[in-house]
């Protein structure tokens, strides 16, 4: 008897969702002209916002916040 290979558990679809998944279409939905124009405008705004701005001033905050005390000014222990 031929048995199909077992599916991994992460691909398991519960029975109540199985019929919905089989009805899903892989076709691209047709958009009205108004919807297509609005979509294109939205995508253009998103793409314009993703362009990086030129850095004109570097604000490097990676230096330590505590000032170090030079070795000559440290208190010496009395002997």
N, C-alpha and C. Protein backbone atom coordinates (compact mmCIF):
# COMPACT_ATOMS: atom_id res chain seq x y z
N UNK A 1 0.85 -1.18 0.00
CA UNK A 1 0.00 0.00 0.00
C UNK A 1 0.89 1.24 0.00
N UNK A 2 0.54 2.18 -0.84
CA UNK A 2 1.31 3.43 -0.95
C UNK A 2 0.77 4.46 0.02
N UNK A 3 1.65 5.01 0.84
CA UNK A 3 1.26 6.06 1.78
C UNK A 3 1.96 7.35 1.38
N UNK A 4 1.22 8.46 1.32
CA UNK A 4 1.87 9.73 1.00
C UNK A 4 2.81 10.13 2.14
N UNK A 5 3.85 10.91 1.83
CA UNK A 5 4.76 11.33 2.90
C UNK A 5 4.04 12.16 3.95
N UNK A 6 4.46 11.98 5.18
CA UNK A 6 3.83 12.72 6.29
C UNK A 6 4.18 14.20 6.18
N UNK A 7 3.18 15.04 6.44
CA UNK A 7 3.42 16.49 6.42
C UNK A 7 3.97 16.93 7.76
N UNK A 8 4.90 17.89 7.74
CA UNK A 8 5.37 18.44 9.02
C UNK A 8 4.22 19.07 9.79
N UNK A 9 4.32 19.09 11.10
CA UNK A 9 3.22 19.59 11.93
C UNK A 9 2.95 21.07 11.72
N UNK A 10 3.97 21.85 11.29
CA UNK A 10 3.73 23.28 11.10
C UNK A 10 2.92 23.57 9.84
N UNK A 11 2.71 22.55 8.98
CA UNK A 11 1.88 22.73 7.80
C UNK A 11 0.46 22.21 8.02
N UNK A 12 0.17 21.74 9.21
CA UNK A 12 -1.15 21.20 9.50
C UNK A 12 -2.20 22.29 9.44
N UNK A 13 -3.27 22.02 8.71
CA UNK A 13 -4.40 22.95 8.62
C UNK A 13 -5.57 22.32 9.34
N UNK A 14 -6.12 23.00 10.35
CA UNK A 14 -7.27 22.43 11.06
C UNK A 14 -8.43 22.17 10.09
N UNK A 15 -9.22 21.14 10.36
CA UNK A 15 -10.32 20.77 9.46
C UNK A 15 -11.29 21.92 9.17
N UNK A 16 -11.58 22.77 10.16
CA UNK A 16 -12.55 23.83 9.92
C UNK A 16 -11.99 24.91 8.99
N UNK A 17 -10.68 24.97 8.80
CA UNK A 17 -10.08 25.94 7.88
C UNK A 17 -9.70 25.31 6.55
N UNK A 18 -9.75 24.01 6.47
CA UNK A 18 -9.32 23.31 5.27
C UNK A 18 -10.15 23.70 4.06
N UNK A 19 -11.47 23.79 4.21
CA UNK A 19 -12.32 24.14 3.07
C UNK A 19 -12.07 25.57 2.62
N UNK A 20 -11.77 26.46 3.57
CA UNK A 20 -11.47 27.85 3.22
C UNK A 20 -10.18 27.93 2.41
N UNK A 21 -9.18 27.17 2.82
CA UNK A 21 -7.89 27.19 2.12
C UNK A 21 -8.02 26.66 0.71
N UNK A 22 -8.87 25.68 0.51
CA UNK A 22 -9.05 25.13 -0.83
C UNK A 22 -9.78 26.10 -1.73
N UNK A 23 -10.58 27.02 -1.18
CA UNK A 23 -11.32 27.97 -1.98
C UNK A 23 -10.50 29.22 -2.30
N UNK A 24 -9.37 29.40 -1.64
CA UNK A 24 -8.57 30.60 -1.85
C UNK A 24 -8.05 30.61 -3.28
N UNK A 25 -8.04 31.79 -3.88
CA UNK A 25 -7.60 31.94 -5.25
C UNK A 25 -6.19 32.52 -5.27
N UNK A 26 -5.40 32.05 -6.20
CA UNK A 26 -4.05 32.60 -6.34
C UNK A 26 -4.00 33.66 -7.43
N UNK A 27 -5.14 33.99 -8.02
CA UNK A 27 -5.18 35.01 -9.07
C UNK A 27 -5.10 36.40 -8.45
N UNK A 28 -4.46 37.31 -9.18
CA UNK A 28 -4.37 38.70 -8.73
C UNK A 28 -5.73 39.36 -8.95
N UNK A 29 -6.28 40.01 -7.93
CA UNK A 29 -7.60 40.63 -8.10
C UNK A 29 -7.53 41.81 -9.06
N UNK A 30 -8.59 42.00 -9.82
CA UNK A 30 -8.69 43.12 -10.75
C UNK A 30 -9.13 44.35 -9.97
N UNK A 31 -8.41 45.46 -10.15
CA UNK A 31 -8.74 46.70 -9.45
C UNK A 31 -9.40 47.68 -10.40
N UNK A 32 -10.30 48.48 -9.85
CA UNK A 32 -10.89 49.55 -10.65
C UNK A 32 -9.83 50.61 -10.89
N UNK A 33 -10.04 51.48 -11.89
CA UNK A 33 -9.05 52.51 -12.21
C UNK A 33 -8.81 53.43 -11.02
N UNK A 34 -9.88 53.78 -10.29
CA UNK A 34 -9.73 54.67 -9.13
C UNK A 34 -8.88 53.99 -8.06
N UNK A 35 -9.15 52.70 -7.83
CA UNK A 35 -8.39 51.95 -6.83
C UNK A 35 -6.93 51.81 -7.24
N UNK A 36 -6.70 51.58 -8.54
CA UNK A 36 -5.34 51.43 -9.04
C UNK A 36 -4.56 52.73 -8.88
N UNK A 37 -5.20 53.87 -9.17
CA UNK A 37 -4.53 55.17 -9.02
C UNK A 37 -4.20 55.44 -7.56
N UNK A 38 -5.13 55.13 -6.66
CA UNK A 38 -4.89 55.34 -5.23
C UNK A 38 -3.77 54.43 -4.74
N UNK A 39 -3.75 53.21 -5.23
CA UNK A 39 -2.70 52.27 -4.83
C UNK A 39 -1.34 52.75 -5.32
N UNK A 40 -1.27 53.21 -6.57
CA UNK A 40 -0.01 53.71 -7.11
C UNK A 40 0.48 54.94 -6.35
N UNK A 41 -0.44 55.83 -5.98
CA UNK A 41 -0.07 57.02 -5.22
C UNK A 41 0.47 56.64 -3.84
N UNK A 42 -0.18 55.68 -3.21
CA UNK A 42 0.28 55.22 -1.89
C UNK A 42 1.67 54.59 -1.99
N UNK A 43 1.87 53.74 -2.99
CA UNK A 43 3.18 53.12 -3.16
C UNK A 43 4.26 54.15 -3.46
N UNK A 44 3.93 55.18 -4.24
CA UNK A 44 4.90 56.24 -4.54
C UNK A 44 5.27 57.00 -3.27
N UNK A 45 4.29 57.29 -2.42
CA UNK A 45 4.57 57.97 -1.15
C UNK A 45 5.47 57.12 -0.25
N UNK A 46 5.20 55.83 -0.21
CA UNK A 46 6.00 54.93 0.62
C UNK A 46 7.43 54.88 0.09
N UNK A 47 7.58 54.74 -1.23
CA UNK A 47 8.92 54.66 -1.81
C UNK A 47 9.69 55.96 -1.63
N UNK A 48 9.01 57.08 -1.71
CA UNK A 48 9.67 58.36 -1.53
C UNK A 48 10.16 58.50 -0.09
N UNK A 49 9.39 58.02 0.86
CA UNK A 49 9.77 58.10 2.26
C UNK A 49 10.92 57.18 2.63
N UNK A 50 11.17 56.15 1.81
CA UNK A 50 12.24 55.21 2.14
C UNK A 50 13.61 55.69 1.69
N UNK A 51 13.68 56.74 0.92
CA UNK A 51 14.98 57.25 0.49
C UNK A 51 15.71 57.83 1.70
N UNK A 52 16.98 57.55 1.78
CA UNK A 52 17.76 58.01 2.92
C UNK A 52 18.18 59.45 2.73
N UNK A 53 18.15 60.19 3.81
CA UNK A 53 18.60 61.58 3.73
C UNK A 53 20.10 61.62 3.95
N UNK A 54 20.74 62.62 3.37
CA UNK A 54 22.18 62.76 3.48
C UNK A 54 22.54 63.24 4.89
N UNK A 55 23.52 62.61 5.49
CA UNK A 55 23.96 62.98 6.83
C UNK A 55 24.90 64.17 6.70
N UNK A 56 24.54 65.29 7.34
CA UNK A 56 25.36 66.49 7.26
C UNK A 56 26.18 66.70 8.52
N UNK A 57 25.73 66.19 9.64
CA UNK A 57 26.45 66.37 10.89
C UNK A 57 26.43 65.04 11.64
N UNK A 58 27.58 64.65 12.13
CA UNK A 58 27.68 63.39 12.86
C UNK A 58 27.58 63.68 14.35
N UNK A 59 26.64 63.03 15.01
CA UNK A 59 26.44 63.20 16.44
C UNK A 59 26.84 61.88 17.11
N UNK A 60 28.14 61.73 17.36
CA UNK A 60 28.66 60.49 17.93
C UNK A 60 28.51 60.50 19.44
N UNK A 61 27.68 59.60 19.96
CA UNK A 61 27.43 59.53 21.40
C UNK A 61 28.05 58.27 22.00
N UNK A 62 29.00 57.68 21.29
CA UNK A 62 29.55 56.41 21.76
C UNK A 62 30.65 56.58 22.80
N UNK A 63 31.09 57.81 23.05
CA UNK A 63 32.13 58.05 24.05
C UNK A 63 31.59 57.79 25.45
N UNK A 64 32.44 57.41 26.39
CA UNK A 64 31.97 57.17 27.76
C UNK A 64 31.42 58.44 28.39
N UNK A 65 30.41 58.31 29.21
CA UNK A 65 29.78 59.45 29.86
C UNK A 65 30.53 59.90 31.11
N UNK A 66 31.39 59.04 31.68
CA UNK A 66 32.13 59.35 32.90
C UNK A 66 33.53 59.81 32.52
N UNK A 67 33.93 60.94 33.05
CA UNK A 67 35.27 61.43 32.76
C UNK A 67 36.29 60.57 33.50
N UNK A 68 37.36 60.26 32.84
CA UNK A 68 38.39 59.46 33.50
C UNK A 68 39.33 60.38 34.27
N UNK A 69 39.85 59.88 35.38
CA UNK A 69 40.76 60.65 36.23
C UNK A 69 42.18 60.26 35.86
N UNK A 70 43.02 61.23 35.51
CA UNK A 70 44.41 60.89 35.16
C UNK A 70 45.11 60.22 36.33
N UNK A 71 46.04 59.36 36.06
CA UNK A 71 46.75 58.59 37.09
C UNK A 71 47.47 59.48 38.09
N UNK A 72 47.99 60.61 37.65
CA UNK A 72 48.76 61.48 38.55
C UNK A 72 47.88 62.14 39.60
N UNK A 73 46.59 62.27 39.36
CA UNK A 73 45.70 62.95 40.31
C UNK A 73 45.00 61.98 41.25
N UNK A 74 45.22 60.68 41.08
CA UNK A 74 44.60 59.70 41.97
C UNK A 74 45.22 59.81 43.34
N UNK A 75 44.44 59.53 44.36
CA UNK A 75 44.94 59.58 45.74
C UNK A 75 45.90 58.43 45.96
N UNK A 76 47.03 58.75 46.56
CA UNK A 76 48.02 57.72 46.86
C UNK A 76 47.77 57.19 48.26
N UNK A 77 47.97 55.90 48.43
CA UNK A 77 47.80 55.29 49.75
C UNK A 77 49.00 55.64 50.62
N UNK A 78 48.72 55.91 51.89
CA UNK A 78 49.80 56.20 52.84
C UNK A 78 50.44 54.89 53.28
N UNK A 79 51.76 54.90 53.35
CA UNK A 79 52.47 53.68 53.74
C UNK A 79 52.87 53.71 55.18
